[in-house]
Amino acid sequence: MPLNNPPQVTLYTSGIYAGDNGADRAIPHGLRDVPRLVLIANEITTSQSGMVANVENINLSNDNHQLVTAWDGVNFYVSNTTVGFNTTGQSYKWVAFV
């Protein structure tokens, strides 16, 4: 029997952040649960785009990987050390999925 009022579930959220050159920066995702995947795209260049998979930032254009703090129910984390997901003066769009 179908529910008359099924619960509303947020399957994804999105946002934009400005890079600050930090090595392990927290970005609030606004989901009620830990995300399963976060996609990141630099607004200016494709060389700083990729994904976050729990404790790893993966730059898809140059195959660089960087370990970061494990995501949680509030934040995912980005690094600028090898993947370039937090470069000062750059703007990044992101989408987080549960």
PDB file of N, CA and C in Angstrom:
ATOM      1  N   MET A   1       0.845  -1.167   0.000  1.00  0.00           N
ATOM      2  CA  MET A   1       0.000   0.000   0.000  1.00  0.00           C
ATOM      3  C   MET A   1       0.900   1.243   0.000  1.00  0.00           C
ATOM      4  N   PRO A   2       0.719   2.151  -0.961  1.00  0.00           N
ATOM      5  CA  PRO A   2       1.577   3.343  -1.023  1.00  0.00           C
ATOM      6  C   PRO A   2       1.280   4.319   0.118  1.00  0.00           C
ATOM      7  N   LEU A   3       2.316   5.037   0.508  1.00  0.00           N
ATOM      8  CA  LEU A   3       2.149   6.056   1.540  1.00  0.00           C
ATOM      9  C   LEU A   3       1.444   7.277   0.949  1.00  0.00           C
ATOM     10  N   ASN A   4       0.533   7.869   1.715  1.00  0.00           N
ATOM     11  CA  ASN A   4      -0.147   9.085   1.253  1.00  0.00           C
ATOM     12  C   ASN A   4       0.797  10.270   1.226  1.00  0.00           C
ATOM     13  N   ASN A   5       1.671  10.336   2.196  1.00  0.00           N
ATOM     14  CA  ASN A   5       2.637  11.433   2.288  1.00  0.00           C
ATOM     15  C   ASN A   5       4.028  10.854   2.486  1.00  0.00           C
ATOM     16  N   PRO A   6       4.674  10.406   1.401  1.00  0.00           N
ATOM     17  CA  PRO A   6       6.014   9.834   1.584  1.00  0.00           C
ATOM     18  C   PRO A   6       6.980  10.883   2.112  1.00  0.00           C
ATOM     19  N   PRO A   7       7.955  10.451   2.918  1.00  0.00           N
ATOM     20  CA  PRO A   7       8.908  11.411   3.461  1.00  0.00           C
ATOM     21  C   PRO A   7       9.737  12.060   2.352  1.00  0.00           C
ATOM     22  N   GLN A   8      10.038  13.314   2.523  1.00  0.00           N
ATOM     23  CA  GLN A   8      10.864  14.033   1.570  1.00  0.00           C
ATOM     24  C   GLN A   8      12.322  13.687   1.836  1.00  0.00           C
ATOM     25  N   VAL A   9      13.010  13.256   0.813  1.00  0.00           N
ATOM     26  CA  VAL A   9      14.401  12.862   0.939  1.00  0.00           C
ATOM     27  C   VAL A   9      15.226  13.742   0.006  1.00  0.00           C
ATOM     28  N   THR A  10      16.248  14.382   0.553  1.00  0.00           N
ATOM     29  CA  THR A  10      17.157  15.175  -0.263  1.00  0.00           C
ATOM     30  C   THR A  10      18.231  14.241  -0.800  1.00  0.00           C
ATOM     31  N   LEU A  11      18.258  14.087  -2.133  1.00  0.00           N
ATOM     32  CA  LEU A  11      19.211  13.179  -2.749  1.00  0.00           C
ATOM     33  C   LEU A  11      20.517  13.859  -3.111  1.00  0.00           C
ATOM     34  N   TYR A  12      20.485  15.187  -3.274  1.00  0.00           N
ATOM     35  CA  TYR A  12      21.712  15.908  -3.597  1.00  0.00           C
ATOM     36  C   TYR A  12      21.598  17.359  -3.161  1.00  0.00           C
ATOM     37  N   THR A  13      22.743  17.992  -2.985  1.00  0.00           N
ATOM     38  CA  THR A  13      22.823  19.427  -2.741  1.00  0.00           C
ATOM     39  C   THR A  13      23.951  19.963  -3.607  1.00  0.00           C
ATOM     40  N   SER A  14      23.994  21.262  -3.756  1.00  0.00           N
ATOM     41  CA  SER A  14      25.050  21.864  -4.568  1.00  0.00           C
ATOM     42  C   SER A  14      25.409  23.226  -4.005  1.00  0.00           C
ATOM     43  N   GLY A  15      26.549  23.734  -4.429  1.00  0.00           N
ATOM     44  CA  GLY A  15      26.975  25.043  -3.962  1.00  0.00           C
ATOM     45  C   GLY A  15      28.224  25.506  -4.697  1.00  0.00           C
ATOM     46  N   ILE A  16      28.740  26.618  -4.235  1.00  0.00           N
ATOM     47  CA  ILE A  16      29.953  27.222  -4.781  1.00  0.00           C
ATOM     48  C   ILE A  16      30.816  27.656  -3.604  1.00  0.00           C
ATOM     49  N   TYR A  17      32.120  27.479  -3.715  1.00  0.00           N
ATOM     50  CA  TYR A  17      33.030  28.009  -2.699  1.00  0.00           C
ATOM     51  C   TYR A  17      34.221  28.657  -3.388  1.00  0.00           C
ATOM     52  N   ALA A  18      34.801  29.634  -2.707  1.00  0.00           N
ATOM     53  CA  ALA A  18      36.000  30.319  -3.199  1.00  0.00           C
ATOM     54  C   ALA A  18      37.221  29.678  -2.556  1.00  0.00           C
ATOM     55  N   GLY A  19      38.224  29.377  -3.358  1.00  0.00           N
ATOM     56  CA  GLY A  19      39.437  28.743  -2.853  1.00  0.00           C
ATOM     57  C   GLY A  19      40.189  29.634  -1.878  1.00  0.00           C
ATOM     58  N   ASP A  20      40.805  29.009  -0.847  1.00  0.00           N
ATOM     59  CA  ASP A  20      41.600  29.756   0.126  1.00  0.00           C
ATOM     60  C   ASP A  20      42.981  29.134   0.341  1.00  0.00           C
ATOM     61  N   ASN A  21      43.351  28.178  -0.515  1.00  0.00           N
ATOM     62  CA  ASN A  21      44.661  27.544  -0.506  1.00  0.00           C
ATOM     63  C   ASN A  21      44.900  26.615   0.680  1.00  0.00           C
ATOM     64  N   GLY A  22      43.864  26.277   1.430  1.00  0.00           N
ATOM     65  CA  GLY A  22      44.012  25.380   2.576  1.00  0.00           C
ATOM     66  C   GLY A  22      44.234  23.946   2.140  1.00  0.00           C
ATOM     67  N   ALA A  23      44.866  23.159   3.009  1.00  0.00           N
ATOM     68  CA  ALA A  23      45.201  21.771   2.692  1.00  0.00           C
ATOM     69  C   ALA A  23      44.119  20.780   3.103  1.00  0.00           C
ATOM     70  N   ASP A  24      43.206  21.145   3.979  1.00  0.00           N
ATOM     71  CA  ASP A  24      42.177  20.220   4.466  1.00  0.00           C
ATOM     72  C   ASP A  24      40.956  21.042   4.874  1.00  0.00           C
ATOM     73  N   ARG A  25      40.318  21.660   3.891  1.00  0.00           N
ATOM     74  CA  ARG A  25      39.252  22.633   4.145  1.00  0.00           C
ATOM     75  C   ARG A  25      37.879  21.967   4.206  1.00  0.00           C
ATOM     76  N   ALA A  26      37.098  22.307   5.224  1.00  0.00           N
ATOM     77  CA  ALA A  26      35.742  21.791   5.377  1.00  0.00           C
ATOM     78  C   ALA A  26      34.762  22.615   4.546  1.00  0.00           C
ATOM     79  N   ILE A  27      33.917  21.922   3.768  1.00  0.00           N
ATOM     80  CA  ILE A  27      32.852  22.559   2.989  1.00  0.00           C
ATOM     81  C   ILE A  27      31.530  21.957   3.467  1.00  0.00           C
ATOM     82  N   PRO A  28      30.620  22.759   4.041  1.00  0.00           N
ATOM     83  CA  PRO A  28      29.333  22.223   4.493  1.00  0.00           C
ATOM     84  C   PRO A  28      28.488  21.770   3.294  1.00  0.00           C
ATOM     85  N   HIS A  29      27.940  20.540   3.362  1.00  0.00           N
ATOM     86  CA  HIS A  29      27.180  20.012   2.229  1.00  0.00           C
ATOM     87  C   HIS A  29      25.674  20.121   2.385  1.00  0.00           C
ATOM     88  N   GLY A  30      25.160  20.305   3.588  1.00  0.00           N
ATOM     89  CA  GLY A  30      23.727  20.513   3.790  1.00  0.00           C
ATOM     90  C   GLY A  30      22.848  19.284   3.653  1.00  0.00           C
ATOM     91  N   LEU A  31      23.430  18.109   3.564  1.00  0.00           N
ATOM     92  CA  LEU A  31      22.643  16.876   3.499  1.00  0.00           C
ATOM     93  C   LEU A  31      22.363  16.368   4.904  1.00  0.00           C
ATOM     94  N   ARG A  32      21.356  15.537   5.041  1.00  0.00           N
ATOM     95  CA  ARG A  32      21.059  14.947   6.346  1.00  0.00           C
ATOM     96  C   ARG A  32      21.903  13.719   6.634  1.00  0.00           C
ATOM     97  N   ASP A  33      22.650  13.283   5.644  1.00  0.00           N
ATOM     98  CA  ASP A  33      23.441  12.065   5.772  1.00  0.00           C
ATOM     99  C   ASP A  33      24.823  12.315   5.176  1.00  0.00           C
ATOM    100  N   VAL A  34      25.710  11.375   5.364  1.00  0.00           N
ATOM    101  CA  VAL A  34      27.051  11.444   4.781  1.00  0.00           C
ATOM    102  C   VAL A  34      26.916  11.252   3.267  1.00  0.00           C
ATOM    103  N   PRO A  35      27.537  12.108   2.454  1.00  0.00           N
ATOM    104  CA  PRO A  35      27.431  11.923   1.005  1.00  0.00           C
ATOM    105  C   PRO A  35      28.151  10.662   0.535  1.00  0.00           C
ATOM    106  N   ARG A  36      27.709  10.169  -0.599  1.00  0.00           N
ATOM    107  CA  ARG A  36      28.354   9.010  -1.230  1.00  0.00           C
ATOM    108  C   ARG A  36      29.370   9.449  -2.284  1.00  0.00           C
ATOM    109  N   LEU A  37      29.142  10.642  -2.848  1.00  0.00           N
ATOM    110  CA  LEU A  37      30.004  11.164  -3.896  1.00  0.00           C
ATOM    111  C   LEU A  37      29.840  12.673  -3.965  1.00  0.00           C
ATOM    112  N   VAL A  38      30.943  13.392  -4.178  1.00  0.00           N
ATOM    113  CA  VAL A  38      30.909  14.840  -4.409  1.00  0.00           C
ATOM    114  C   VAL A  38      31.681  15.108  -5.701  1.00  0.00           C
ATOM    115  N   LEU A  39      31.042  15.797  -6.638  1.00  0.00           N
ATOM    116  CA  LEU A  39      31.703  16.226  -7.868  1.00  0.00           C
ATOM    117  C   LEU A  39      32.099  17.686  -7.720  1.00  0.00           C
ATOM    118  N   ILE A  40      33.293  18.035  -8.193  1.00  0.00           N
ATOM    119  CA  ILE A  40      33.809  19.399  -8.073  1.00  0.00           C
ATOM    120  C   ILE A  40      34.260  19.872  -9.448  1.00  0.00           C
ATOM    121  N   ALA A  41      33.878  21.102  -9.793  1.00  0.00           N
ATOM    122  CA  ALA A  41      34.292  21.680 -11.075  1.00  0.00           C
ATOM    123  C   ALA A  41      34.782  23.104 -10.846  1.00  0.00           C
ATOM    124  N   ASN A  42      36.002  23.379 -11.279  1.00  0.00           N
ATOM    125  CA  ASN A  42      36.541  24.737 -11.239  1.00  0.00           C
ATOM    126  C   ASN A  42      35.786  25.554 -12.279  1.00  0.00           C
ATOM    127  N   GLU A  43      35.390  26.780 -11.925  1.00  0.00           N
ATOM    128  CA  GLU A  43      34.615  27.603 -12.852  1.00  0.00           C
ATOM    129  C   GLU A  43      35.461  28.179 -13.987  1.00  0.00           C
ATOM    130  N   ILE A  44      36.783  28.139 -13.871  1.00  0.00           N
ATOM    131  CA  ILE A  44      37.642  28.759 -14.872  1.00  0.00           C
ATOM    132  C   ILE A  44      38.384  27.736 -15.716  1.00  0.00           C
ATOM    133  N   THR A  45      38.902  26.682 -15.101  1.00  0.00           N
ATOM    134  CA  THR A  45      39.742  25.722 -15.814  1.00  0.00           C
ATOM    135  C   THR A  45      39.290  24.294 -15.557  1.00  0.00           C
ATOM    136  N   THR A  46      39.417  23.427 -16.536  1.00  0.00           N
ATOM    137  CA  THR A  46      39.049  22.026 -16.344  1.00  0.00           C
ATOM    138  C   THR A  46      40.153  21.234 -15.675  1.00  0.00           C
ATOM    139  N   SER A  47      41.349  21.819 -15.506  1.00  0.00           N
ATOM    140  CA  SER A  47      42.452  21.068 -14.899  1.00  0.00           C
ATOM    141  C   SER A  47      42.292  20.924 -13.390  1.00  0.00           C
ATOM    142  N   GLN A  48      41.325  21.588 -12.786  1.00  0.00           N
ATOM    143  CA  GLN A  48      41.088  21.477 -11.349  1.00  0.00           C
ATOM    144  C   GLN A  48      39.661  21.011 -11.099  1.00  0.00           C
ATOM    145  N   SER A  49      39.290  19.909 -11.707  1.00  0.00           N
ATOM    146  CA  SER A  49      37.959  19.336 -11.547  1.00  0.00           C
ATOM    147  C   SER A  49      38.100  17.858 -11.242  1.00  0.00           C
ATOM    148  N   GLY A  50      37.140  17.321 -10.513  1.00  0.00           N
ATOM    149  CA  GLY A  50      37.211  15.917 -10.161  1.00  0.00           C
ATOM    150  C   GLY A  50      36.162  15.538  -9.155  1.00  0.00           C
ATOM    151  N   MET A  51      36.548  14.679  -8.200  1.00  0.00           N
ATOM    152  CA  MET A  51      35.570  14.192  -7.237  1.00  0.00           C
ATOM    153  C   MET A  51      36.204  13.955  -5.874  1.00  0.00           C
ATOM    154  N   VAL A  52      35.317  13.903  -4.877  1.00  0.00           N
ATOM    155  CA  VAL A  52      35.701  13.549  -3.518  1.00  0.00           C
ATOM    156  C   VAL A  52      35.022  12.222  -3.215  1.00  0.00           C
ATOM    157  N   ALA A  53      35.800  11.260  -2.782  1.00  0.00           N
ATOM    158  CA  ALA A  53      35.277   9.955  -2.400  1.00  0.00           C
ATOM    159  C   ALA A  53      35.784   9.648  -0.995  1.00  0.00           C
ATOM    160  N   ASN A  54      34.994  10.020  -0.002  1.00  0.00           N
ATOM    161  CA  ASN A  54      35.294   9.859   1.412  1.00  0.00           C
ATOM    162  C   ASN A  54      36.595  10.557   1.793  1.00  0.00           C
ATOM    163  N   VAL A  55      37.698   9.855   1.943  1.00  0.00           N
ATOM    164  CA  VAL A  55      38.939  10.491   2.405  1.00  0.00           C
ATOM    165  C   VAL A  55      39.875  10.852   1.269  1.00  0.00           C
ATOM    166  N   GLU A  56      39.408  10.777   0.027  1.00  0.00           N
ATOM    167  CA  GLU A  56      40.298  11.007  -1.098  1.00  0.00           C
ATOM    168  C   GLU A  56      39.740  12.050  -2.058  1.00  0.00           C
ATOM    169  N   ASN A  57      40.573  13.037  -2.403  1.00  0.00           N
ATOM    170  CA  ASN A  57      40.281  13.976  -3.484  1.00  0.00           C
ATOM    171  C   ASN A  57      40.954  13.419  -4.730  1.00  0.00           C
ATOM    172  N   ILE A  58      40.230  13.352  -5.838  1.00  0.00           N
ATOM    173  CA  ILE A  58      40.755  12.788  -7.076  1.00  0.00           C
ATOM    174  C   ILE A  58      40.573  13.801  -8.198  1.00  0.00           C
ATOM    175  N   ASN A  59      41.679  14.295  -8.744  1.00  0.00           N
ATOM    176  CA  ASN A  59      41.641  15.207  -9.880  1.00  0.00           C
ATOM    177  C   ASN A  59      41.583  14.345 -11.134  1.00  0.00           C
ATOM    178  N   LEU A  60      40.472  14.425 -11.872  1.00  0.00           N
ATOM    179  CA  LEU A  60      40.266  13.538 -13.012  1.00  0.00           C
ATOM    180  C   LEU A  60      41.063  13.941 -14.248  1.00  0.00           C
ATOM    181  N   SER A  61      41.525  15.180 -14.325  1.00  0.00           N
ATOM    182  CA  SER A  61      42.256  15.594 -15.519  1.00  0.00           C
ATOM    183  C   SER A  61      43.739  15.236 -15.458  1.00  0.00           C
ATOM    184  N   ASN A  62      44.305  15.109 -14.252  1.00  0.00           N
ATOM    185  CA  ASN A  62      45.737  14.770 -14.167  1.00  0.00           C
ATOM    186  C   ASN A  62      46.010  13.548 -13.284  1.00  0.00           C
ATOM    187  N   ASP A  63      44.949  12.880 -12.836  1.00  0.00           N
ATOM    188  CA  ASP A  63      45.045  11.650 -12.049  1.00  0.00           C
ATOM    189  C   ASP A  63      45.819  11.819 -10.745  1.00  0.00           C
ATOM    190  N   ASN A  64      45.808  13.020 -10.166  1.00  0.00           N
ATOM    191  CA  ASN A  64      46.405  13.226  -8.842  1.00  0.00           C
ATOM    192  C   ASN A  64      45.386  12.875  -7.773  1.00  0.00           C
ATOM    193  N   HIS A  65      45.879  12.336  -6.661  1.00  0.00           N
ATOM    194  CA  HIS A  65      45.044  11.954  -5.529  1.00  0.00           C
ATOM    195  C   HIS A  65      45.611  12.603  -4.278  1.00  0.00           C
ATOM    196  N   GLN A  66      44.724  12.956  -3.346  1.00  0.00           N
ATOM    197  CA  GLN A  66      45.162  13.540  -2.085  1.00  0.00           C
ATOM    198  C   GLN A  66      44.243  13.061  -0.979  1.00  0.00           C
ATOM    199  N   LEU A  67      44.815  12.538   0.110  1.00  0.00           N
ATOM    200  CA  LEU A  67      44.014  12.129   1.258  1.00  0.00           C
ATOM    201  C   LEU A  67      43.629  13.357   2.075  1.00  0.00           C
ATOM    202  N   VAL A  68      42.384  13.379   2.542  1.00  0.00           N
ATOM    203  CA  VAL A  68      41.848  14.470   3.358  1.00  0.00           C
ATOM    204  C   VAL A  68      41.053  13.869   4.512  1.00  0.00           C
ATOM    205  N   THR A  69      40.536  14.722   5.378  1.00  0.00           N
ATOM    206  CA  THR A  69      39.676  14.282   6.472  1.00  0.00           C
ATOM    207  C   THR A  69      38.449  13.574   5.910  1.00  0.00           C
ATOM    208  N   ALA A  70      38.006  12.507   6.555  1.00  0.00           N
ATOM    209  CA  ALA A  70      36.817  11.774   6.105  1.00  0.00           C
ATOM    210  C   ALA A  70      35.588  12.671   6.196  1.00  0.00           C
ATOM    211  N   TRP A  71      34.761  12.639   5.170  1.00  0.00           N
ATOM    212  CA  TRP A  71      33.530  13.424   5.206  1.00  0.00           C
ATOM    213  C   TRP A  71      32.617  12.917   6.308  1.00  0.00           C
ATOM    214  N   ASP A  72      31.654  13.748   6.671  1.00  0.00           N
ATOM    215  CA  ASP A  72      30.744  13.389   7.747  1.00  0.00           C
ATOM    216  C   ASP A  72      29.353  13.927   7.428  1.00  0.00           C
ATOM    217  N   GLY A  73      28.467  13.924   8.399  1.00  0.00           N
ATOM    218  CA  GLY A  73      27.106  14.381   8.194  1.00  0.00           C
ATOM    219  C   GLY A  73      26.972  15.873   8.011  1.00  0.00           C
ATOM    220  N   VAL A  74      28.059  16.629   8.126  1.00  0.00           N
ATOM    221  CA  VAL A  74      28.027  18.093   7.999  1.00  0.00           C
ATOM    222  C   VAL A  74      28.910  18.588   6.856  1.00  0.00           C
ATOM    223  N   ASN A  75      30.125  18.050   6.727  1.00  0.00           N
ATOM    224  CA  ASN A  75      31.112  18.581   5.776  1.00  0.00           C
ATOM    225  C   ASN A  75      31.715  17.504   4.883  1.00  0.00           C
ATOM    226  N   PHE A  76      32.186  17.955   3.704  1.00  0.00           N
ATOM    227  CA  PHE A  76      33.180  17.198   2.954  1.00  0.00           C
ATOM    228  C   PHE A  76      34.429  18.068   2.935  1.00  0.00           C
ATOM    229  N   TYR A  77      35.571  17.501   2.575  1.00  0.00           N
ATOM    230  CA  TYR A  77      36.841  18.210   2.713  1.00  0.00           C
ATOM    231  C   TYR A  77      37.595  18.249   1.390  1.00  0.00           C
ATOM    232  N   VAL A  78      38.237  19.388   1.138  1.00  0.00           N
ATOM    233  CA  VAL A  78      39.005  19.564  -0.095  1.00  0.00           C
ATOM    234  C   VAL A  78      40.419  20.012   0.247  1.00  0.00           C
ATOM    235  N   SER A  79      41.325  19.736  -0.690  1.00  0.00           N
ATOM    236  CA  SER A  79      42.730  20.062  -0.503  1.00  0.00           C
ATOM    237  C   SER A  79      43.260  20.791  -1.723  1.00  0.00           C
ATOM    238  N   ASN A  80      44.324  21.531  -1.525  1.00  0.00           N
ATOM    239  CA  ASN A  80      44.981  22.184  -2.641  1.00  0.00           C
ATOM    240  C   ASN A  80      46.385  21.642  -2.867  1.00  0.00           C
ATOM    241  N   THR A  81      46.830  20.693  -2.056  1.00  0.00           N
ATOM    242  CA  THR A  81      48.230  20.268  -2.117  1.00  0.00           C
ATOM    243  C   THR A  81      48.610  19.629  -3.446  1.00  0.00           C
ATOM    244  N   THR A  82      47.875  18.634  -3.932  1.00  0.00           N
ATOM    245  CA  THR A  82      48.215  18.025  -5.224  1.00  0.00           C
ATOM    246  C   THR A  82      47.064  18.053  -6.220  1.00  0.00           C
ATOM    247  N   VAL A  83      45.840  18.184  -5.751  1.00  0.00           N
ATOM    248  CA  VAL A  83      44.690  18.097  -6.658  1.00  0.00           C
ATOM    249  C   VAL A  83      44.172  19.451  -7.131  1.00  0.00           C
ATOM    250  N   GLY A  84      44.491  20.523  -6.416  1.00  0.00           N
ATOM    251  CA  GLY A  84      44.062  21.854  -6.837  1.00  0.00           C
ATOM    252  C   GLY A  84      42.581  22.121  -6.677  1.00  0.00           C
ATOM    253  N   PHE A  85      41.957  21.589  -5.612  1.00  0.00           N
ATOM    254  CA  PHE A  85      40.530  21.819  -5.384  1.00  0.00           C
ATOM    255  C   PHE A  85      40.267  22.997  -4.446  1.00  0.00           C
ATOM    256  N   ASN A  86      41.299  23.785  -4.125  1.00  0.00           N
ATOM    257  CA  ASN A  86      41.110  24.890  -3.189  1.00  0.00           C
ATOM    258  C   ASN A  86      42.122  26.006  -3.439  1.00  0.00           C
ATOM    259  N   THR A  87      42.361  26.336  -4.700  1.00  0.00           N
ATOM    260  CA  THR A  87      43.345  27.344  -5.070  1.00  0.00           C
ATOM    261  C   THR A  87      42.816  28.754  -4.815  1.00  0.00           C
ATOM    262  N   THR A  88      43.609  29.583  -4.151  1.00  0.00           N
ATOM    263  CA  THR A  88      43.224  30.972  -3.898  1.00  0.00           C
ATOM    264  C   THR A  88      42.924  31.664  -5.221  1.00  0.00           C
ATOM    265  N   GLY A  89      41.838  32.438  -5.245  1.00  0.00           N
ATOM    266  CA  GLY A  89      41.450  33.177  -6.442  1.00  0.00           C
ATOM    267  C   GLY A  89      40.611  32.383  -7.421  1.00  0.00           C
ATOM    268  N   GLN A  90      40.364  31.105  -7.128  1.00  0.00           N
ATOM    269  CA  GLN A  90      39.536  30.265  -7.998  1.00  0.00           C
ATOM    270  C   GLN A  90      38.186  30.002  -7.319  1.00  0.00           C
ATOM    271  N   SER A  91      37.181  29.779  -8.134  1.00  0.00           N
ATOM    272  CA  SER A  91      35.843  29.472  -7.655  1.00  0.00           C
ATOM    273  C   SER A  91      35.467  28.072  -8.107  1.00  0.00           C
ATOM    274  N   TYR A  92      34.833  27.304  -7.220  1.00  0.00           N
ATOM    275  CA  TYR A  92      34.510  25.906  -7.484  1.00  0.00           C
ATOM    276  C   TYR A  92      33.030  25.642  -7.275  1.00  0.00           C
ATOM    277  N   LYS A  93      32.411  24.947  -8.218  1.00  0.00           N
ATOM    278  CA  LYS A  93      31.037  24.468  -8.073  1.00  0.00           C
ATOM    279  C   LYS A  93      31.109  23.017  -7.604  1.00  0.00           C
ATOM    280  N   TRP A  94      30.133  22.601  -6.804  1.00  0.00           N
ATOM    281  CA  TRP A  94      30.121  21.221  -6.333  1.00  0.00           C
ATOM    282  C   TRP A  94      28.696  20.695  -6.254  1.00  0.00           C
ATOM    283  N   VAL A  95      28.571  19.380  -6.369  1.00  0.00           N
ATOM    284  CA  VAL A  95      27.309  18.679  -6.178  1.00  0.00           C
ATOM    285  C   VAL A  95      27.607  17.473  -5.307  1.00  0.00           C
ATOM    286  N   ALA A  96      26.862  17.316  -4.197  1.00  0.00           N
ATOM    287  CA  ALA A  96      27.040  16.184  -3.290  1.00  0.00           C
ATOM    288  C   ALA A  96      25.809  15.281  -3.369  1.00  0.00           C
ATOM    289  N   PHE A  97      26.024  13.979  -3.483  1.00  0.00           N
ATOM    290  CA  PHE A  97      24.961  12.985  -3.608  1.00  0.00           C
ATOM    291  C   PHE A  97      24.958  12.032  -2.427  1.00  0.00           C
ATOM    292  N   VAL A  98      23.759  11.610  -1.993  1.00  0.00           N
ATOM    293  CA  VAL A  98      23.653  10.566  -0.963  1.00  0.00           C
ATOM    294  C   VAL A  98      23.354   9.244  -1.620  1.00  0.00           C
TER     295      VAL A  98
END
